[in-house]
N, C-alpha and C. Protein backbone atom coordinates (compact mmCIF):
# COMPACT_ATOMS: atom_id res chain seq x y z
N MET A 1 -2.17 16.41 3.93
CA MET A 1 -3.49 15.90 3.80
C MET A 1 -3.46 14.42 4.01
N SER A 2 -4.18 13.95 5.04
CA SER A 2 -4.17 12.51 5.31
C SER A 2 -5.30 11.80 4.55
N SER A 3 -5.13 10.53 4.47
CA SER A 3 -6.07 9.69 3.72
C SER A 3 -7.11 9.13 4.65
N CYS A 4 -8.31 8.90 4.12
CA CYS A 4 -9.37 8.28 4.91
C CYS A 4 -9.26 6.75 4.78
N TYR A 5 -8.44 6.26 3.89
CA TYR A 5 -8.27 4.84 3.70
C TYR A 5 -6.85 4.50 4.01
N THR A 6 -6.54 4.14 5.27
CA THR A 6 -5.20 3.76 5.65
C THR A 6 -5.25 2.57 6.61
N HIS A 7 -4.47 1.57 6.30
CA HIS A 7 -4.28 0.40 7.18
C HIS A 7 -2.82 0.41 7.57
N LYS A 8 -2.57 0.29 8.89
CA LYS A 8 -1.20 0.32 9.35
C LYS A 8 -1.02 -0.77 10.37
N PHE A 9 -0.04 -1.63 10.20
CA PHE A 9 0.23 -2.67 11.21
C PHE A 9 1.73 -2.91 11.30
N THR A 10 2.09 -3.41 12.48
CA THR A 10 3.51 -3.63 12.81
C THR A 10 3.73 -5.12 12.91
N VAL A 11 4.84 -5.61 12.34
CA VAL A 11 5.22 -6.97 12.40
C VAL A 11 6.48 -7.04 13.29
N GLY A 12 6.52 -7.96 14.24
CA GLY A 12 7.68 -8.07 15.13
C GLY A 12 7.80 -6.83 16.00
N ASP A 13 8.99 -6.29 16.14
CA ASP A 13 9.20 -5.09 16.97
C ASP A 13 9.09 -3.80 16.22
N GLY A 14 8.72 -3.86 14.96
CA GLY A 14 8.57 -2.63 14.15
C GLY A 14 9.88 -2.30 13.43
N PRO A 15 9.89 -1.21 12.72
CA PRO A 15 11.06 -0.86 11.88
C PRO A 15 12.27 -0.55 12.71
N LYS A 16 13.45 -0.96 12.17
CA LYS A 16 14.71 -0.76 12.90
C LYS A 16 15.70 0.06 12.07
N SER A 17 15.83 -0.21 10.75
CA SER A 17 16.88 0.39 9.97
C SER A 17 16.48 1.71 9.34
N GLY A 18 15.18 1.99 9.18
CA GLY A 18 14.74 3.23 8.55
C GLY A 18 14.58 3.14 7.08
N ASP A 19 14.87 1.98 6.45
CA ASP A 19 14.68 1.79 5.01
C ASP A 19 13.18 1.71 4.72
N THR A 20 12.81 2.29 3.60
CA THR A 20 11.43 2.31 3.16
C THR A 20 11.29 1.84 1.74
N VAL A 21 10.32 0.95 1.50
CA VAL A 21 10.03 0.43 0.17
C VAL A 21 8.57 0.71 -0.14
N THR A 22 8.28 1.29 -1.29
CA THR A 22 6.92 1.62 -1.71
C THR A 22 6.55 0.91 -2.97
N GLN A 23 5.32 0.39 -3.07
CA GLN A 23 4.89 -0.29 -4.25
C GLN A 23 3.38 -0.01 -4.50
N LYS A 24 2.99 0.12 -5.73
CA LYS A 24 1.58 0.35 -6.10
C LYS A 24 0.85 -0.99 -6.18
N ASN A 25 -0.43 -0.98 -5.81
CA ASN A 25 -1.34 -2.12 -5.97
C ASN A 25 -2.35 -1.71 -7.04
N HIS A 26 -2.70 -2.62 -7.90
CA HIS A 26 -3.62 -2.31 -8.99
C HIS A 26 -4.93 -3.14 -8.82
N PHE A 27 -6.03 -2.45 -8.69
CA PHE A 27 -7.35 -3.04 -8.56
C PHE A 27 -8.27 -2.40 -9.58
N PHE A 28 -9.35 -3.10 -9.86
CA PHE A 28 -10.30 -2.61 -10.84
C PHE A 28 -11.74 -2.73 -10.30
N LEU A 29 -12.62 -1.87 -10.76
CA LEU A 29 -14.03 -1.84 -10.37
C LEU A 29 -14.17 -1.71 -8.85
N TYR A 30 -13.63 -0.59 -8.34
CA TYR A 30 -13.73 -0.27 -6.91
C TYR A 30 -13.17 -1.35 -6.04
N VAL A 31 -12.01 -1.91 -6.41
CA VAL A 31 -11.30 -2.95 -5.67
C VAL A 31 -11.99 -4.33 -5.67
N LEU A 32 -12.97 -4.54 -6.50
CA LEU A 32 -13.66 -5.80 -6.56
C LEU A 32 -12.88 -6.82 -7.35
N ILE A 33 -12.09 -6.37 -8.36
CA ILE A 33 -11.31 -7.25 -9.19
C ILE A 33 -9.80 -6.97 -8.92
N PRO A 34 -9.12 -7.95 -8.35
CA PRO A 34 -7.66 -7.70 -8.04
C PRO A 34 -6.83 -7.77 -9.29
N GLY A 35 -5.86 -6.92 -9.36
CA GLY A 35 -4.88 -6.94 -10.41
C GLY A 35 -3.58 -7.41 -9.84
N ASN A 36 -2.61 -6.54 -9.77
CA ASN A 36 -1.28 -6.85 -9.16
C ASN A 36 -1.24 -6.25 -7.82
N ALA A 37 -1.14 -7.06 -6.74
CA ALA A 37 -1.09 -6.54 -5.36
C ALA A 37 0.31 -6.82 -4.80
N SER A 38 0.81 -5.94 -4.00
CA SER A 38 2.14 -6.11 -3.42
C SER A 38 2.09 -7.16 -2.27
N ASP A 39 3.31 -7.70 -2.00
CA ASP A 39 3.48 -8.66 -0.92
C ASP A 39 4.42 -8.07 0.12
N PRO A 40 3.87 -7.63 1.28
CA PRO A 40 4.71 -6.98 2.25
C PRO A 40 5.87 -7.83 2.77
N GLN A 41 5.69 -9.15 2.83
CA GLN A 41 6.77 -10.02 3.26
C GLN A 41 7.94 -9.94 2.28
N LYS A 42 7.68 -9.94 1.00
CA LYS A 42 8.72 -9.82 0.00
C LYS A 42 9.34 -8.40 0.03
N MET A 43 8.48 -7.42 0.24
CA MET A 43 9.02 -6.08 0.26
C MET A 43 9.95 -5.86 1.46
N ALA A 44 9.71 -6.61 2.56
CA ALA A 44 10.58 -6.48 3.75
C ALA A 44 11.91 -7.22 3.59
N GLU A 45 12.03 -7.99 2.52
CA GLU A 45 13.26 -8.70 2.14
C GLU A 45 13.83 -9.53 3.29
N GLY A 46 12.95 -10.33 3.89
CA GLY A 46 13.39 -11.26 4.94
C GLY A 46 13.52 -10.69 6.37
N SER A 47 13.26 -9.41 6.48
CA SER A 47 13.28 -8.80 7.84
C SER A 47 12.10 -9.31 8.63
N SER A 48 12.34 -9.58 9.93
CA SER A 48 11.25 -10.03 10.78
C SER A 48 10.60 -8.90 11.52
N ASP A 49 11.20 -7.70 11.48
CA ASP A 49 10.65 -6.51 12.15
C ASP A 49 10.43 -5.42 11.16
N PHE A 50 9.16 -5.09 10.88
CA PHE A 50 8.84 -4.06 9.95
C PHE A 50 7.41 -3.55 10.18
N GLU A 51 7.12 -2.47 9.51
CA GLU A 51 5.79 -1.83 9.59
C GLU A 51 5.20 -1.73 8.19
N VAL A 52 3.93 -1.97 8.05
CA VAL A 52 3.26 -1.95 6.74
C VAL A 52 2.16 -0.88 6.80
N ILE A 53 2.16 -0.03 5.79
CA ILE A 53 1.14 1.04 5.68
C ILE A 53 0.52 0.91 4.31
N GLU A 54 -0.77 0.61 4.25
CA GLU A 54 -1.45 0.58 2.95
C GLU A 54 -2.44 1.73 2.96
N THR A 55 -2.30 2.60 1.91
CA THR A 55 -3.12 3.80 1.85
C THR A 55 -3.62 4.09 0.47
N HIS A 56 -4.63 4.88 0.41
CA HIS A 56 -5.20 5.39 -0.81
C HIS A 56 -4.71 6.84 -0.86
N THR A 57 -3.65 7.12 -1.60
CA THR A 57 -3.05 8.46 -1.66
C THR A 57 -3.93 9.38 -2.51
N PHE A 58 -3.62 10.67 -2.50
CA PHE A 58 -4.36 11.64 -3.28
C PHE A 58 -4.29 11.25 -4.77
N ALA A 59 -3.08 10.91 -5.20
CA ALA A 59 -2.93 10.48 -6.63
C ALA A 59 -3.77 9.24 -6.94
N ASP A 60 -3.80 8.29 -6.05
CA ASP A 60 -4.61 7.09 -6.21
C ASP A 60 -6.07 7.46 -6.35
N GLY A 61 -6.51 8.33 -5.45
CA GLY A 61 -7.93 8.79 -5.48
C GLY A 61 -8.22 9.56 -6.75
N LEU A 62 -7.33 10.35 -7.20
CA LEU A 62 -7.54 11.13 -8.44
C LEU A 62 -7.67 10.17 -9.64
N LEU A 63 -6.81 9.15 -9.73
CA LEU A 63 -6.93 8.17 -10.80
C LEU A 63 -8.28 7.43 -10.72
N ASN A 64 -8.72 7.13 -9.49
CA ASN A 64 -9.97 6.44 -9.30
C ASN A 64 -11.14 7.33 -9.82
N VAL A 65 -11.09 8.61 -9.53
CA VAL A 65 -12.13 9.53 -9.97
C VAL A 65 -12.15 9.70 -11.50
N ILE A 66 -10.91 9.89 -12.05
CA ILE A 66 -10.77 10.11 -13.49
C ILE A 66 -11.31 8.90 -14.29
N THR A 67 -11.08 7.69 -13.80
CA THR A 67 -11.51 6.50 -14.47
C THR A 67 -12.88 6.03 -14.06
N LEU A 68 -13.58 6.84 -13.23
CA LEU A 68 -14.90 6.51 -12.73
C LEU A 68 -14.93 5.18 -12.01
N GLY A 69 -13.87 4.85 -11.27
CA GLY A 69 -13.83 3.63 -10.50
C GLY A 69 -13.39 2.41 -11.21
N ILE A 70 -13.11 2.51 -12.52
CA ILE A 70 -12.68 1.34 -13.24
C ILE A 70 -11.28 0.91 -12.79
N TYR A 71 -10.42 1.86 -12.54
CA TYR A 71 -9.07 1.58 -12.01
C TYR A 71 -8.98 2.20 -10.66
N THR A 72 -8.66 1.35 -9.60
CA THR A 72 -8.60 1.84 -8.26
C THR A 72 -7.24 1.41 -7.59
N PRO A 73 -6.23 2.22 -7.78
CA PRO A 73 -4.92 1.86 -7.18
C PRO A 73 -4.84 2.17 -5.69
N THR A 74 -3.95 1.51 -5.00
CA THR A 74 -3.60 1.83 -3.63
C THR A 74 -2.07 1.79 -3.58
N THR A 75 -1.51 2.27 -2.45
CA THR A 75 -0.04 2.27 -2.27
C THR A 75 0.29 1.58 -0.99
N THR A 76 1.28 0.65 -1.05
CA THR A 76 1.82 -0.04 0.11
C THR A 76 3.21 0.43 0.38
N THR A 77 3.48 0.79 1.66
CA THR A 77 4.78 1.20 2.09
C THR A 77 5.24 0.32 3.20
N VAL A 78 6.42 -0.25 3.10
CA VAL A 78 7.01 -1.09 4.14
C VAL A 78 8.23 -0.36 4.69
N LYS A 79 8.24 -0.14 5.99
CA LYS A 79 9.37 0.49 6.68
C LYS A 79 10.09 -0.63 7.46
N LYS A 80 11.37 -0.81 7.10
CA LYS A 80 12.16 -1.91 7.71
C LYS A 80 12.97 -1.38 8.86
């Protein structure tokens, strides 16, 4: 099942090593109030070639529905 909220972009020549790092982003009130957001540059650990995918997974959407939009998480994945 794919997400309707996905941003994907490539930095440099894209992923080379196949390593993947995933981190949750925490937002509140339908993403209007930022909490803790990931930093793709730090997640890439100095690599100049990587791919970033930010998505609203099923679990993220479920948490959003359960909390009536008070808590709206997203997931960032960096492929190095």
